[in-house]
Amino acid sequence: MKKPVSVLVLIHTPALEVLLLERAARPGFWQSVTGSQEDGESLLGTAVREVAEETGIAARPEDLSDWNLANRYEIFPEWRFRYPPGVTENTEHVFSLVFPSPQPVSVAPGEHLGYRWLPWREAARTVFSWSNRDAILMLPRRLNPA
């Protein structure tokens, strides 16, 4: 059973090109790196593990930025079977990882069909999750605070 605690990791460049992954179970559904926390794992540990599993990128904990932002949302009914009975909401914690430029990644077979790097506005329009969209829309302010 999955824990209803997860991470969302935005992988992007300083020029705000954002890496998106296409879900294998839902072709046409694009997202950033996401994944559930495992027992005994810190949120940062979850973020590092999920980046490695979903992209093949071996990030170090110090490479990631914790946004100290948590989103709570309803789990889609078709995915609730993965969670303990009665669990209907998930809390997602946001992190980011910056690369100097877009680079090839190795998507997890069976989990994702492919990837693409998109300019941030287009990436925000492309993702299916509102929390993913909102995080992408925050990127310019996070990189260039007023």
Protein backbone atom coordinates (compact mmCIF):
# COMPACT_ATOMS: atom_id res chain seq x y z
CA MET A 1 0.00 0.00 0.00
CA LYS A 2 1.18 3.49 -0.83
CA LYS A 3 1.44 6.23 1.78
CA PRO A 4 -0.66 9.33 1.00
CA VAL A 5 2.49 11.47 1.13
CA SER A 6 4.40 12.24 -2.04
CA VAL A 7 6.90 14.53 -3.74
CA LEU A 8 6.73 16.60 -6.90
CA VAL A 9 10.17 17.44 -8.34
CA LEU A 10 10.40 20.12 -11.02
CA ILE A 11 13.52 19.56 -13.11
CA HIS A 12 14.36 22.69 -15.07
CA THR A 13 17.07 24.88 -16.56
CA PRO A 14 17.96 28.47 -15.59
CA ALA A 15 16.19 29.47 -18.84
CA LEU A 16 13.02 27.84 -17.41
CA GLU A 17 12.85 24.86 -19.72
CA VAL A 18 10.98 22.17 -17.78
CA LEU A 19 11.33 18.40 -18.07
CA LEU A 20 8.02 16.57 -18.45
CA LEU A 21 7.37 12.82 -18.49
CA GLU A 22 4.47 11.09 -20.24
CA ARG A 23 2.64 8.54 -18.09
CA ALA A 24 2.57 5.02 -19.53
CA ALA A 25 -0.78 4.21 -17.89
CA ARG A 26 -2.28 7.41 -19.30
CA PRO A 27 -0.79 8.34 -22.69
CA GLY A 28 -1.11 12.07 -23.23
CA PHE A 29 -0.86 12.81 -19.48
CA TRP A 30 2.36 14.73 -18.84
CA GLN A 31 3.90 15.48 -15.46
CA SER A 32 7.07 16.30 -13.57
CA VAL A 33 8.78 13.65 -11.45
CA THR A 34 6.40 12.44 -8.74
CA GLY A 35 6.31 9.61 -6.26
CA SER A 36 5.17 8.38 -2.88
CA GLN A 37 7.25 8.40 0.26
CA GLU A 38 8.35 4.98 1.49
CA ASP A 39 8.50 3.92 5.14
CA GLY A 40 11.51 5.34 6.96
CA GLU A 41 12.37 7.70 4.11
CA SER A 42 12.73 11.48 4.43
CA LEU A 43 10.94 13.68 1.91
CA LEU A 44 14.32 14.70 0.47
CA GLY A 45 15.26 11.02 0.24
CA THR A 46 12.01 10.34 -1.61
CA ALA A 47 12.76 13.17 -4.06
CA VAL A 48 16.30 11.89 -4.76
CA ARG A 49 15.05 8.31 -5.23
CA GLU A 50 12.19 9.30 -7.53
CA VAL A 51 14.46 11.44 -9.72
CA ALA A 52 16.80 8.46 -10.13
CA GLU A 53 13.99 5.96 -10.77
CA GLU A 54 12.06 8.09 -13.24
CA THR A 55 14.89 9.79 -15.15
CA GLY A 56 18.11 7.89 -14.48
CA ILE A 57 19.62 11.09 -13.02
CA ALA A 58 21.74 10.48 -9.92
CA ALA A 59 21.07 13.71 -8.03
CA ARG A 60 22.60 14.35 -4.63
CA PRO A 61 20.41 15.63 -1.79
CA GLU A 62 22.24 18.97 -1.87
CA ASP A 63 21.32 19.37 -5.56
CA LEU A 64 17.61 19.63 -4.76
CA SER A 65 15.79 22.65 -3.42
CA ASP A 66 12.97 22.08 -0.92
CA TRP A 67 10.25 24.66 -1.59
CA ASN A 68 8.68 24.11 1.84
CA LEU A 69 5.39 23.92 -0.02
CA ALA A 70 2.80 21.18 0.45
CA ASN A 71 -0.32 20.69 -1.66
CA ARG A 72 -3.25 18.57 -0.53
CA TYR A 73 -5.48 17.07 -3.19
CA GLU A 74 -8.03 14.35 -3.76
CA ILE A 75 -6.62 11.09 -5.14
CA PHE A 76 -8.29 10.14 -8.43
CA PRO A 77 -10.84 7.38 -7.67
CA GLU A 78 -9.21 5.02 -10.20
CA TRP A 79 -5.91 5.20 -8.24
CA ARG A 80 -7.28 4.81 -4.69
CA PHE A 81 -6.84 1.03 -4.73
CA ARG A 82 -3.11 1.66 -4.24
CA TYR A 83 -3.74 3.26 -0.82
CA PRO A 84 -5.10 1.94 2.47
CA PRO A 85 -8.92 1.70 2.64
CA GLY A 86 -10.62 5.04 3.24
CA VAL A 87 -7.67 7.18 2.10
CA THR A 88 -8.92 9.75 -0.41
CA GLU A 89 -6.38 12.59 -0.14
CA ASN A 90 -2.64 12.94 -0.68
CA THR A 91 -0.17 15.55 0.57
CA GLU A 92 2.46 16.42 -2.04
CA HIS A 93 5.73 18.21 -1.16
CA VAL A 94 7.43 20.31 -3.85
CA PHE A 95 11.15 20.24 -4.72
CA SER A 96 13.17 21.42 -7.70
CA LEU A 97 16.40 20.47 -9.44
CA VAL A 98 18.25 22.76 -11.87
CA PHE A 99 20.37 21.66 -14.83
CA PRO A 100 22.45 24.06 -16.94
CA SER A 101 20.68 22.91 -20.13
CA PRO A 102 18.21 20.26 -21.32
CA GLN A 103 19.72 16.81 -21.32
CA PRO A 104 18.63 13.32 -22.31
CA VAL A 105 17.05 11.20 -19.59
CA SER A 106 16.21 7.52 -19.27
CA VAL A 107 12.52 7.16 -18.45
CA ALA A 108 11.36 4.30 -16.26
CA PRO A 109 9.98 1.54 -18.52
CA GLY A 110 6.38 0.76 -17.70
CA GLU A 111 5.97 4.04 -15.83
CA HIS A 112 6.63 6.59 -18.59
CA LEU A 113 6.51 6.51 -22.37
CA GLY A 114 8.84 9.41 -23.05
CA TYR A 115 9.97 12.86 -22.05
CA ARG A 116 10.33 16.36 -23.39
CA TRP A 117 11.75 19.69 -22.31
CA LEU A 118 9.33 22.60 -22.74
CA PRO A 119 9.42 26.33 -22.02
CA TRP A 120 7.78 26.91 -18.63
CA ARG A 121 4.53 28.47 -19.90
CA GLU A 122 3.98 25.62 -22.36
CA ALA A 123 4.90 23.07 -19.68
CA ALA A 124 2.33 24.62 -17.31
CA ARG A 125 -0.34 24.27 -20.03
CA THR A 126 0.69 20.67 -20.76
CA VAL A 127 0.64 19.02 -17.32
CA PHE A 128 -2.61 17.41 -16.18
CA SER A 129 -2.20 18.17 -12.46
CA TRP A 130 -3.17 21.55 -11.04
CA SER A 131 -0.45 21.32 -8.37
CA ASN A 132 2.18 20.60 -11.04
CA ARG A 133 0.86 23.52 -13.14
CA ASP A 134 0.91 25.91 -10.17
CA ALA A 135 4.47 24.91 -9.21
CA ILE A 136 5.70 25.49 -12.77
CA LEU A 137 4.02 28.90 -12.79
CA MET A 138 5.95 29.77 -9.59
CA LEU A 139 9.35 29.01 -11.15
CA PRO A 140 10.14 32.53 -12.45
CA ARG A 141 9.50 34.07 -9.03
CA ARG A 142 11.53 31.39 -7.26
CA LEU A 143 14.54 31.95 -9.54
CA ASN A 144 14.28 35.75 -9.65
CA PRO A 145 12.68 36.97 -6.43
CA ALA A 146 11.73 40.64 -6.52
